[in-house]
N, C-alpha and C. Protein backbone atom coordinates (compact mmCIF):
# COMPACT_ATOMS: atom_id res chain seq x y z
N GLU A 1 53.51 49.72 0.64
CA GLU A 1 54.77 49.87 -0.06
C GLU A 1 54.71 51.17 -0.87
N ASP A 2 55.68 52.04 -0.67
CA ASP A 2 55.71 53.34 -1.34
C ASP A 2 56.65 53.29 -2.53
N ARG A 3 56.23 52.59 -3.58
CA ARG A 3 57.06 52.46 -4.78
C ARG A 3 56.66 53.55 -5.76
N ARG A 4 57.65 54.21 -6.35
CA ARG A 4 57.42 55.25 -7.35
C ARG A 4 57.92 54.75 -8.70
N HIS A 5 57.23 55.12 -9.75
CA HIS A 5 57.60 54.71 -11.10
C HIS A 5 57.88 55.93 -11.95
N TRP A 6 59.01 55.88 -12.69
CA TRP A 6 59.46 57.02 -13.48
C TRP A 6 59.85 56.57 -14.88
N PHE A 7 59.86 57.49 -15.83
CA PHE A 7 60.38 57.31 -17.18
C PHE A 7 59.78 56.11 -17.91
N PRO A 8 58.46 56.02 -18.00
CA PRO A 8 57.85 54.87 -18.68
C PRO A 8 58.01 54.94 -20.21
N THR A 9 58.22 53.79 -20.82
CA THR A 9 58.19 53.63 -22.26
C THR A 9 57.49 52.30 -22.53
N LEU A 10 56.92 52.15 -23.73
CA LEU A 10 56.16 50.93 -23.97
C LEU A 10 56.30 50.44 -25.39
N ALA A 11 55.97 49.14 -25.55
CA ALA A 11 56.01 48.47 -26.84
C ALA A 11 54.78 47.57 -26.94
N PRO A 12 54.31 47.29 -28.15
CA PRO A 12 53.15 46.39 -28.30
C PRO A 12 53.52 44.96 -27.92
N ASP A 13 52.52 44.23 -27.39
CA ASP A 13 52.77 42.83 -27.03
C ASP A 13 52.35 41.86 -28.14
N GLY A 14 51.84 42.39 -29.24
CA GLY A 14 51.47 41.56 -30.37
C GLY A 14 50.05 41.01 -30.33
N VAL A 15 49.33 41.20 -29.23
CA VAL A 15 47.96 40.72 -29.12
C VAL A 15 47.02 41.80 -28.60
N GLY A 16 47.31 43.04 -28.95
CA GLY A 16 46.42 44.15 -28.61
C GLY A 16 46.74 44.86 -27.32
N GLY A 17 47.70 44.36 -26.57
CA GLY A 17 48.11 45.01 -25.33
C GLY A 17 49.47 45.64 -25.48
N ALA A 18 50.11 45.88 -24.35
CA ALA A 18 51.43 46.52 -24.38
C ALA A 18 52.26 46.05 -23.20
N ILE A 19 53.58 46.18 -23.37
CA ILE A 19 54.51 45.97 -22.27
C ILE A 19 55.13 47.33 -21.99
N VAL A 20 55.04 47.75 -20.74
CA VAL A 20 55.61 49.04 -20.34
C VAL A 20 56.78 48.78 -19.42
N THR A 21 57.85 49.53 -19.58
CA THR A 21 58.99 49.44 -18.68
C THR A 21 59.19 50.80 -18.04
N TYR A 22 59.81 50.79 -16.88
CA TYR A 22 59.96 52.03 -16.12
C TYR A 22 61.06 51.86 -15.08
N SER A 23 61.56 52.99 -14.60
CA SER A 23 62.47 53.01 -13.48
C SER A 23 61.62 53.12 -12.22
N SER A 24 61.98 52.36 -11.20
CA SER A 24 61.16 52.28 -10.01
C SER A 24 62.05 52.36 -8.77
N PHE A 25 61.59 53.10 -7.76
CA PHE A 25 62.31 53.07 -6.49
C PHE A 25 61.33 53.10 -5.34
N MET A 26 61.79 52.53 -4.22
CA MET A 26 60.93 52.39 -3.05
C MET A 26 60.82 53.69 -2.26
N ALA A 27 61.97 54.36 -2.06
CA ALA A 27 61.99 55.56 -1.23
C ALA A 27 63.31 56.29 -1.50
N PRO A 28 63.39 57.57 -1.14
CA PRO A 28 64.66 58.29 -1.32
C PRO A 28 65.80 57.54 -0.64
N GLY A 29 66.93 57.48 -1.33
CA GLY A 29 68.09 56.78 -0.80
C GLY A 29 68.18 55.33 -1.24
N ILE A 30 67.10 54.79 -1.79
CA ILE A 30 67.10 53.42 -2.32
C ILE A 30 67.32 53.53 -3.82
N SER A 31 68.20 52.71 -4.38
CA SER A 31 68.53 52.85 -5.79
C SER A 31 67.36 52.51 -6.70
N ASP A 32 67.35 53.15 -7.86
CA ASP A 32 66.33 52.89 -8.86
C ASP A 32 66.54 51.51 -9.48
N ASP A 33 65.47 50.83 -9.80
CA ASP A 33 65.49 49.53 -10.46
C ASP A 33 64.73 49.64 -11.77
N ILE A 34 64.90 48.65 -12.64
CA ILE A 34 64.14 48.57 -13.89
C ILE A 34 63.09 47.48 -13.74
N ARG A 35 61.84 47.85 -13.99
CA ARG A 35 60.72 46.91 -13.89
C ARG A 35 59.91 46.97 -15.18
N ALA A 36 59.03 46.00 -15.35
CA ALA A 36 58.15 45.97 -16.51
C ALA A 36 56.79 45.44 -16.09
N GLN A 37 55.78 45.83 -16.85
CA GLN A 37 54.41 45.38 -16.62
C GLN A 37 53.75 45.17 -17.98
N ARG A 38 52.98 44.12 -18.08
CA ARG A 38 52.20 43.88 -19.30
C ARG A 38 50.76 44.26 -19.02
N VAL A 39 50.18 45.01 -19.96
CA VAL A 39 48.78 45.43 -19.86
C VAL A 39 48.04 44.79 -21.02
N SER A 40 46.96 44.06 -20.71
CA SER A 40 46.20 43.36 -21.74
C SER A 40 45.41 44.34 -22.59
N ALA A 41 44.85 43.84 -23.68
CA ALA A 41 44.01 44.67 -24.56
C ALA A 41 42.80 45.21 -23.80
N GLU A 42 42.42 44.55 -22.73
CA GLU A 42 41.29 44.99 -21.90
C GLU A 42 41.71 45.96 -20.80
N GLY A 43 43.00 46.29 -20.72
CA GLY A 43 43.49 47.23 -19.72
C GLY A 43 43.82 46.61 -18.38
N ILE A 44 43.97 45.30 -18.33
CA ILE A 44 44.27 44.60 -17.08
C ILE A 44 45.77 44.38 -16.96
N THR A 45 46.33 44.70 -15.78
CA THR A 45 47.75 44.42 -15.55
C THR A 45 47.91 42.91 -15.38
N VAL A 46 48.84 42.33 -16.13
CA VAL A 46 48.98 40.88 -16.22
C VAL A 46 50.04 40.34 -15.27
N TRP A 47 51.11 41.09 -15.02
CA TRP A 47 52.24 40.57 -14.25
C TRP A 47 52.20 41.01 -12.79
N GLY A 48 51.06 40.89 -12.13
CA GLY A 48 50.94 41.21 -10.72
C GLY A 48 50.83 42.71 -10.48
N PRO A 49 50.61 43.10 -9.24
CA PRO A 49 50.37 44.51 -8.94
C PRO A 49 51.58 45.41 -9.16
N ASP A 50 52.79 44.86 -9.11
CA ASP A 50 53.99 45.69 -9.23
C ASP A 50 54.87 45.29 -10.40
N GLY A 51 54.35 44.48 -11.33
CA GLY A 51 55.13 44.07 -12.47
C GLY A 51 56.25 43.11 -12.10
N VAL A 52 57.25 43.00 -12.98
CA VAL A 52 58.38 42.11 -12.74
C VAL A 52 59.67 42.93 -12.76
N ALA A 53 60.64 42.49 -11.95
CA ALA A 53 61.94 43.15 -11.91
C ALA A 53 62.79 42.66 -13.07
N LEU A 54 63.31 43.59 -13.87
CA LEU A 54 64.27 43.24 -14.92
C LEU A 54 65.69 43.43 -14.41
N CYS A 55 65.86 44.37 -13.49
CA CYS A 55 67.16 44.61 -12.86
C CYS A 55 66.92 45.28 -11.51
N ASP A 56 67.42 44.67 -10.44
CA ASP A 56 67.26 45.30 -9.13
C ASP A 56 68.55 45.23 -8.30
N VAL A 57 69.69 45.33 -8.98
CA VAL A 57 70.97 45.38 -8.27
C VAL A 57 71.19 46.79 -7.70
N ALA A 58 72.15 46.90 -6.80
CA ALA A 58 72.49 48.20 -6.23
C ALA A 58 72.99 49.14 -7.31
N GLY A 59 72.83 50.42 -7.07
CA GLY A 59 73.21 51.43 -8.05
C GLY A 59 72.01 51.80 -8.90
N PRO A 60 71.92 53.03 -9.32
CA PRO A 60 70.74 53.45 -10.07
C PRO A 60 70.71 52.92 -11.50
N GLN A 61 69.54 52.51 -11.91
CA GLN A 61 69.24 52.16 -13.29
C GLN A 61 68.04 53.02 -13.69
N LYS A 62 68.20 53.83 -14.75
CA LYS A 62 67.14 54.77 -15.12
C LYS A 62 66.99 54.83 -16.63
N PHE A 63 65.96 55.52 -17.07
CA PHE A 63 65.72 55.84 -18.47
C PHE A 63 65.70 54.62 -19.39
N PRO A 64 64.87 53.62 -19.12
CA PRO A 64 64.84 52.45 -19.98
C PRO A 64 64.22 52.75 -21.34
N VAL A 65 64.63 51.97 -22.34
CA VAL A 65 64.03 51.99 -23.67
C VAL A 65 63.58 50.56 -23.97
N ILE A 66 62.56 50.41 -24.83
CA ILE A 66 61.96 49.10 -25.05
C ILE A 66 61.59 48.92 -26.51
N THR A 67 61.67 47.67 -26.97
CA THR A 67 61.17 47.30 -28.29
C THR A 67 60.55 45.91 -28.19
N ALA A 68 59.54 45.66 -28.99
CA ALA A 68 58.93 44.34 -29.05
C ALA A 68 59.93 43.34 -29.61
N ASP A 69 59.86 42.09 -29.14
CA ASP A 69 60.78 41.07 -29.65
C ASP A 69 60.16 40.24 -30.77
N GLY A 70 58.91 40.52 -31.14
CA GLY A 70 58.25 39.78 -32.21
C GLY A 70 57.67 38.45 -31.78
N ALA A 71 57.79 38.11 -30.50
CA ALA A 71 57.29 36.83 -29.99
C ALA A 71 56.42 37.02 -28.76
N GLY A 72 55.83 38.21 -28.60
CA GLY A 72 54.96 38.49 -27.46
C GLY A 72 55.66 39.09 -26.26
N GLY A 73 56.98 39.22 -26.34
CA GLY A 73 57.75 39.81 -25.26
C GLY A 73 58.42 41.09 -25.70
N ALA A 74 59.48 41.46 -24.99
CA ALA A 74 60.16 42.71 -25.30
C ALA A 74 61.62 42.63 -24.88
N ILE A 75 62.41 43.53 -25.45
CA ILE A 75 63.79 43.74 -25.04
C ILE A 75 63.89 45.16 -24.49
N VAL A 76 64.48 45.28 -23.32
CA VAL A 76 64.62 46.55 -22.63
C VAL A 76 66.11 46.82 -22.42
N ALA A 77 66.54 48.04 -22.68
CA ALA A 77 67.92 48.46 -22.41
C ALA A 77 67.89 49.71 -21.55
N TRP A 78 68.96 49.91 -20.77
CA TRP A 78 68.99 51.07 -19.87
C TRP A 78 70.44 51.44 -19.52
N PRO A 79 70.66 52.73 -19.21
CA PRO A 79 71.95 53.12 -18.62
C PRO A 79 72.00 52.56 -17.19
N ASP A 80 73.12 52.02 -16.81
CA ASP A 80 73.22 51.30 -15.54
C ASP A 80 74.46 51.76 -14.78
N ALA A 81 74.29 52.15 -13.53
CA ALA A 81 75.41 52.63 -12.73
C ALA A 81 75.75 51.66 -11.60
N ARG A 82 75.58 50.35 -11.83
CA ARG A 82 75.93 49.39 -10.78
C ARG A 82 77.42 49.41 -10.47
N ILE A 83 78.24 49.68 -11.48
CA ILE A 83 79.69 49.82 -11.28
C ILE A 83 80.14 51.18 -11.80
N ALA A 84 79.79 51.48 -13.01
CA ALA A 84 80.13 52.76 -13.65
C ALA A 84 78.93 53.13 -14.52
N SER A 85 79.13 53.97 -15.49
CA SER A 85 78.06 54.34 -16.42
C SER A 85 78.11 53.39 -17.60
N ASP A 86 77.33 52.32 -17.54
CA ASP A 86 77.34 51.26 -18.54
C ASP A 86 75.96 51.11 -19.17
N ILE A 87 75.83 50.16 -20.09
CA ILE A 87 74.54 49.88 -20.71
C ILE A 87 74.25 48.39 -20.57
N TYR A 88 73.06 48.09 -20.06
CA TYR A 88 72.61 46.71 -19.89
C TYR A 88 71.28 46.51 -20.61
N ALA A 89 70.93 45.25 -20.84
CA ALA A 89 69.67 44.91 -21.50
C ALA A 89 69.13 43.61 -20.93
N GLN A 90 67.82 43.45 -21.06
CA GLN A 90 67.13 42.23 -20.61
C GLN A 90 65.99 41.94 -21.57
N ARG A 91 65.76 40.67 -21.83
CA ARG A 91 64.60 40.23 -22.62
C ARG A 91 63.61 39.59 -21.67
N VAL A 92 62.34 39.92 -21.84
CA VAL A 92 61.27 39.37 -21.03
C VAL A 92 60.23 38.79 -21.97
N ASP A 93 59.72 37.60 -21.65
CA ASP A 93 58.71 36.99 -22.52
C ASP A 93 57.31 37.46 -22.14
N GLY A 94 56.31 37.00 -22.87
CA GLY A 94 54.94 37.44 -22.66
C GLY A 94 54.35 37.04 -21.32
N ASP A 95 55.01 36.09 -20.62
CA ASP A 95 54.55 35.67 -19.30
C ASP A 95 55.28 36.40 -18.17
N GLY A 96 56.20 37.32 -18.52
CA GLY A 96 56.92 38.07 -17.51
C GLY A 96 58.17 37.37 -17.01
N VAL A 97 58.65 36.38 -17.74
CA VAL A 97 59.85 35.64 -17.36
C VAL A 97 61.06 36.28 -18.07
N THR A 98 62.09 36.64 -17.30
CA THR A 98 63.30 37.17 -17.91
C THR A 98 64.07 36.03 -18.57
N LEU A 99 64.59 36.29 -19.77
CA LEU A 99 65.21 35.24 -20.57
C LEU A 99 66.73 35.29 -20.61
N TRP A 100 67.31 36.38 -20.17
CA TRP A 100 68.77 36.50 -20.19
C TRP A 100 69.29 36.45 -18.76
N ALA A 101 70.55 36.73 -18.55
CA ALA A 101 71.17 36.65 -17.22
C ALA A 101 70.40 37.49 -16.21
N PRO A 102 70.36 37.07 -14.95
CA PRO A 102 69.71 37.89 -13.93
C PRO A 102 70.29 39.31 -13.94
N ASP A 103 69.42 40.29 -13.87
CA ASP A 103 69.78 41.72 -13.86
C ASP A 103 70.34 42.20 -15.18
N GLY A 104 70.20 41.41 -16.25
CA GLY A 104 70.55 41.85 -17.60
C GLY A 104 71.96 41.50 -18.02
N ILE A 105 72.21 41.73 -19.31
CA ILE A 105 73.53 41.50 -19.89
C ILE A 105 74.15 42.84 -20.27
N ALA A 106 75.47 42.91 -20.20
CA ALA A 106 76.18 44.16 -20.53
C ALA A 106 76.28 44.31 -22.04
N LEU A 107 75.82 45.46 -22.55
CA LEU A 107 76.02 45.81 -23.95
C LEU A 107 77.27 46.66 -24.11
N CYS A 108 77.57 47.47 -23.09
CA CYS A 108 78.75 48.34 -23.14
C CYS A 108 79.22 48.63 -21.73
N THR A 109 80.49 48.33 -21.47
CA THR A 109 81.11 48.65 -20.18
C THR A 109 82.38 49.48 -20.38
N ALA A 110 82.45 50.18 -21.51
CA ALA A 110 83.61 51.03 -21.80
C ALA A 110 83.71 52.15 -20.76
N ILE A 111 84.90 52.70 -20.60
CA ILE A 111 85.07 53.82 -19.69
C ILE A 111 84.26 55.01 -20.20
N GLY A 112 84.09 55.99 -19.35
CA GLY A 112 83.32 57.17 -19.74
C GLY A 112 81.83 56.94 -19.56
N GLU A 113 81.09 57.93 -19.91
CA GLU A 113 79.64 57.91 -19.73
C GLU A 113 78.93 57.48 -21.01
N GLN A 114 77.96 56.59 -20.88
CA GLN A 114 77.09 56.19 -21.97
C GLN A 114 75.65 56.50 -21.55
N TYR A 115 74.92 57.19 -22.40
CA TYR A 115 73.56 57.60 -22.02
C TYR A 115 72.74 57.91 -23.27
N ASP A 116 71.51 58.34 -23.07
CA ASP A 116 70.60 58.76 -24.14
C ASP A 116 70.40 57.62 -25.15
N LEU A 117 69.91 56.49 -24.66
CA LEU A 117 69.74 55.29 -25.47
C LEU A 117 68.53 55.38 -26.38
N ARG A 118 68.63 54.69 -27.51
CA ARG A 118 67.53 54.45 -28.44
C ARG A 118 67.58 52.97 -28.80
N ILE A 119 66.42 52.38 -29.17
CA ILE A 119 66.37 50.94 -29.44
C ILE A 119 65.45 50.64 -30.60
N ALA A 120 65.78 49.59 -31.34
CA ALA A 120 64.92 49.09 -32.43
C ALA A 120 65.08 47.58 -32.49
N GLY A 121 63.99 46.88 -32.79
CA GLY A 121 64.06 45.44 -32.98
C GLY A 121 64.81 45.13 -34.26
N ASP A 122 65.46 43.95 -34.30
CA ASP A 122 66.20 43.58 -35.51
C ASP A 122 65.41 42.66 -36.43
N GLY A 123 64.16 42.34 -36.08
CA GLY A 123 63.32 41.47 -36.90
C GLY A 123 63.62 40.00 -36.71
N LEU A 124 64.59 39.67 -35.85
CA LEU A 124 64.99 38.29 -35.61
C LEU A 124 64.91 37.93 -34.13
N GLY A 125 64.16 38.71 -33.36
CA GLY A 125 64.02 38.48 -31.93
C GLY A 125 65.04 39.19 -31.08
N GLY A 126 65.98 39.89 -31.71
CA GLY A 126 66.98 40.66 -31.00
C GLY A 126 66.72 42.15 -31.14
N ALA A 127 67.73 42.94 -30.81
CA ALA A 127 67.56 44.39 -30.87
C ALA A 127 68.89 45.07 -31.16
N MET A 128 68.78 46.31 -31.61
CA MET A 128 69.93 47.19 -31.80
C MET A 128 69.71 48.42 -30.93
N VAL A 129 70.76 48.84 -30.26
CA VAL A 129 70.69 49.98 -29.34
C VAL A 129 71.76 50.98 -29.75
N SER A 130 71.38 52.25 -29.86
CA SER A 130 72.36 53.31 -30.11
C SER A 130 72.37 54.23 -28.90
N TRP A 131 73.51 54.95 -28.72
CA TRP A 131 73.62 55.82 -27.56
C TRP A 131 74.69 56.89 -27.78
N THR A 132 74.65 57.90 -26.90
CA THR A 132 75.69 58.92 -26.83
C THR A 132 76.78 58.37 -25.92
N ASP A 133 78.04 58.49 -26.37
CA ASP A 133 79.15 57.83 -25.69
C ASP A 133 80.28 58.81 -25.41
N GLY A 134 80.80 58.79 -24.18
CA GLY A 134 81.88 59.68 -23.79
C GLY A 134 83.16 58.95 -23.45
N ARG A 135 83.41 57.79 -24.05
CA ARG A 135 84.61 57.02 -23.70
C ARG A 135 85.91 57.72 -24.03
N ASP A 136 85.89 58.69 -24.96
CA ASP A 136 87.11 59.42 -25.30
C ASP A 136 87.31 60.66 -24.43
N GLY A 137 86.45 60.86 -23.46
CA GLY A 137 86.57 62.00 -22.56
C GLY A 137 85.69 63.15 -23.00
N TYR A 138 85.12 63.82 -22.04
CA TYR A 138 84.16 64.88 -22.31
C TYR A 138 84.74 65.95 -23.22
N TYR A 139 86.01 66.31 -23.01
CA TYR A 139 86.59 67.40 -23.79
C TYR A 139 86.96 67.00 -25.21
N GLN A 140 86.94 65.71 -25.51
CA GLN A 140 87.17 65.23 -26.87
C GLN A 140 85.88 65.20 -27.67
N GLY A 141 84.76 65.43 -27.02
CA GLY A 141 83.46 65.41 -27.68
C GLY A 141 82.75 64.08 -27.47
N MET A 142 81.45 64.13 -27.57
CA MET A 142 80.62 62.94 -27.40
C MET A 142 80.42 62.30 -28.77
N ASP A 143 80.33 60.97 -28.80
CA ASP A 143 80.22 60.21 -30.03
C ASP A 143 78.95 59.37 -30.02
N VAL A 144 78.64 58.76 -31.15
CA VAL A 144 77.49 57.85 -31.25
C VAL A 144 78.02 56.45 -31.51
N TYR A 145 77.57 55.53 -30.66
CA TYR A 145 77.90 54.11 -30.76
C TYR A 145 76.61 53.30 -30.85
N ALA A 146 76.73 52.04 -31.26
CA ALA A 146 75.58 51.14 -31.30
C ALA A 146 76.03 49.71 -31.04
N ALA A 147 75.10 48.91 -30.55
CA ALA A 147 75.33 47.48 -30.32
C ALA A 147 74.12 46.72 -30.80
N ARG A 148 74.35 45.48 -31.20
CA ARG A 148 73.25 44.58 -31.57
C ARG A 148 73.35 43.35 -30.68
N VAL A 149 72.21 42.95 -30.13
CA VAL A 149 72.13 41.77 -29.28
C VAL A 149 71.13 40.81 -29.92
N SER A 150 71.48 39.52 -29.93
CA SER A 150 70.62 38.50 -30.54
C SER A 150 69.46 38.14 -29.61
N ALA A 151 68.54 37.34 -30.11
CA ALA A 151 67.40 36.88 -29.32
C ALA A 151 67.84 36.08 -28.10
N THR A 152 69.02 35.45 -28.18
CA THR A 152 69.52 34.64 -27.06
C THR A 152 70.38 35.43 -26.10
N GLY A 153 70.61 36.72 -26.37
CA GLY A 153 71.38 37.56 -25.46
C GLY A 153 72.86 37.61 -25.76
N SER A 154 73.25 37.22 -26.96
CA SER A 154 74.66 37.31 -27.37
C SER A 154 74.89 38.59 -28.15
N LEU A 155 76.04 39.22 -27.90
CA LEU A 155 76.39 40.40 -28.68
C LEU A 155 76.74 39.97 -30.09
N VAL A 156 76.11 40.60 -31.08
CA VAL A 156 76.33 40.27 -32.49
C VAL A 156 77.50 41.08 -33.03
N TRP A 157 77.57 42.35 -32.68
CA TRP A 157 78.66 43.20 -33.11
C TRP A 157 79.74 43.16 -32.02
N SER A 158 80.79 43.92 -32.14
CA SER A 158 81.89 43.86 -31.17
C SER A 158 81.42 44.29 -29.77
N SER A 159 82.14 43.79 -28.76
CA SER A 159 81.79 44.18 -27.39
C SER A 159 82.01 45.68 -27.22
N ASP A 160 81.20 46.28 -26.38
CA ASP A 160 81.21 47.72 -26.11
C ASP A 160 80.71 48.55 -27.28
N GLY A 161 80.12 47.91 -28.29
CA GLY A 161 79.51 48.63 -29.40
C GLY A 161 80.48 49.01 -30.49
N VAL A 162 79.91 49.48 -31.59
CA VAL A 162 80.70 49.95 -32.73
C VAL A 162 80.50 51.46 -32.85
N ALA A 163 81.57 52.14 -33.20
CA ALA A 163 81.51 53.60 -33.37
C ALA A 163 80.78 53.92 -34.66
N LEU A 164 79.76 54.76 -34.58
CA LEU A 164 79.04 55.19 -35.78
C LEU A 164 79.49 56.57 -36.22
N CYS A 165 79.84 57.42 -35.26
CA CYS A 165 80.35 58.74 -35.60
C CYS A 165 81.23 59.24 -34.46
N THR A 166 82.50 59.49 -34.81
CA THR A 166 83.46 60.01 -33.84
C THR A 166 84.11 61.30 -34.36
N ALA A 167 83.38 62.03 -35.20
CA ALA A 167 83.89 63.29 -35.76
C ALA A 167 84.16 64.30 -34.65
N ASP A 168 84.93 65.32 -34.97
CA ASP A 168 85.18 66.38 -34.00
C ASP A 168 83.86 66.98 -33.53
N GLY A 169 83.84 67.45 -32.31
CA GLY A 169 82.64 68.05 -31.75
C GLY A 169 81.76 66.98 -31.13
N ASP A 170 80.54 67.36 -30.84
CA ASP A 170 79.60 66.46 -30.17
C ASP A 170 78.60 65.87 -31.14
N GLN A 171 78.36 64.59 -30.98
CA GLN A 171 77.25 63.89 -31.65
C GLN A 171 76.39 63.31 -30.54
N ARG A 172 75.15 63.70 -30.50
CA ARG A 172 74.26 63.29 -29.41
C ARG A 172 72.87 62.98 -29.94
N ARG A 173 72.08 62.32 -29.08
CA ARG A 173 70.65 62.09 -29.31
C ARG A 173 70.36 61.44 -30.66
N SER A 174 70.89 60.27 -30.84
CA SER A 174 70.68 59.53 -32.08
C SER A 174 69.23 59.06 -32.18
N ALA A 175 68.86 58.63 -33.35
CA ALA A 175 67.58 57.95 -33.60
C ALA A 175 67.94 56.67 -34.33
N ILE A 176 67.15 55.61 -34.16
CA ILE A 176 67.47 54.32 -34.77
C ILE A 176 66.20 53.65 -35.28
N VAL A 177 66.33 52.96 -36.42
CA VAL A 177 65.22 52.19 -36.98
C VAL A 177 65.82 50.97 -37.68
N SER A 178 65.12 49.86 -37.62
CA SER A 178 65.55 48.64 -38.28
C SER A 178 65.55 48.86 -39.79
N ASP A 179 66.53 48.27 -40.49
CA ASP A 179 66.55 48.35 -41.95
C ASP A 179 65.80 47.18 -42.58
N GLY A 180 65.22 46.31 -41.77
CA GLY A 180 64.45 45.17 -42.28
C GLY A 180 65.31 43.98 -42.71
N ALA A 181 66.62 44.10 -42.57
CA ALA A 181 67.53 43.04 -42.98
C ALA A 181 68.53 42.67 -41.87
N GLY A 182 68.15 42.88 -40.63
CA GLY A 182 69.02 42.55 -39.49
C GLY A 182 69.96 43.67 -39.10
N GLY A 183 69.91 44.81 -39.76
CA GLY A 183 70.73 45.96 -39.43
C GLY A 183 69.86 47.14 -39.05
N ALA A 184 70.48 48.31 -39.03
CA ALA A 184 69.75 49.51 -38.62
C ALA A 184 70.25 50.72 -39.37
N ILE A 185 69.41 51.73 -39.40
CA ILE A 185 69.78 53.06 -39.87
C ILE A 185 69.74 53.94 -38.64
N VAL A 186 70.85 54.65 -38.39
CA VAL A 186 70.96 55.50 -37.22
C VAL A 186 71.22 56.92 -37.68
């Protein structure tokens, strides 16, 4: 099997190892998927030779971001082009079992392009994701939006995210950190 792995990011698993997520594809012309692998403190891959699929629907999924969920697993978010340029997320537990809907849940399906994601845990088993958003059209400038998802996969803030900055011009490449009280500083 000629599987290639791209754009890895990782988070601690809470017991000395890590969970790594990456974009993976079999061969040119086959769409990219999102996969994850847990590596033990001893350097042993735990979830089989090729990890577990977090999303393997048609259309490219690339550039995943990851944060620990505080319970031995992780939450992963990614830009997803299964229909348009959207944002999806999936939670995986320490055993490699996905906990939300198959192929992830939608955090944002607004029109326009959403990309350049950042993620932080919310301290309650969920996560907050910020991104660059083009829902108002490229010539109106890019904006910064964010969404919060609970440990159970429910959107906490409004669907399609909340606008953090829609000033004239472009706002891009946000950074995000938990505020320790269920919110974030972006």
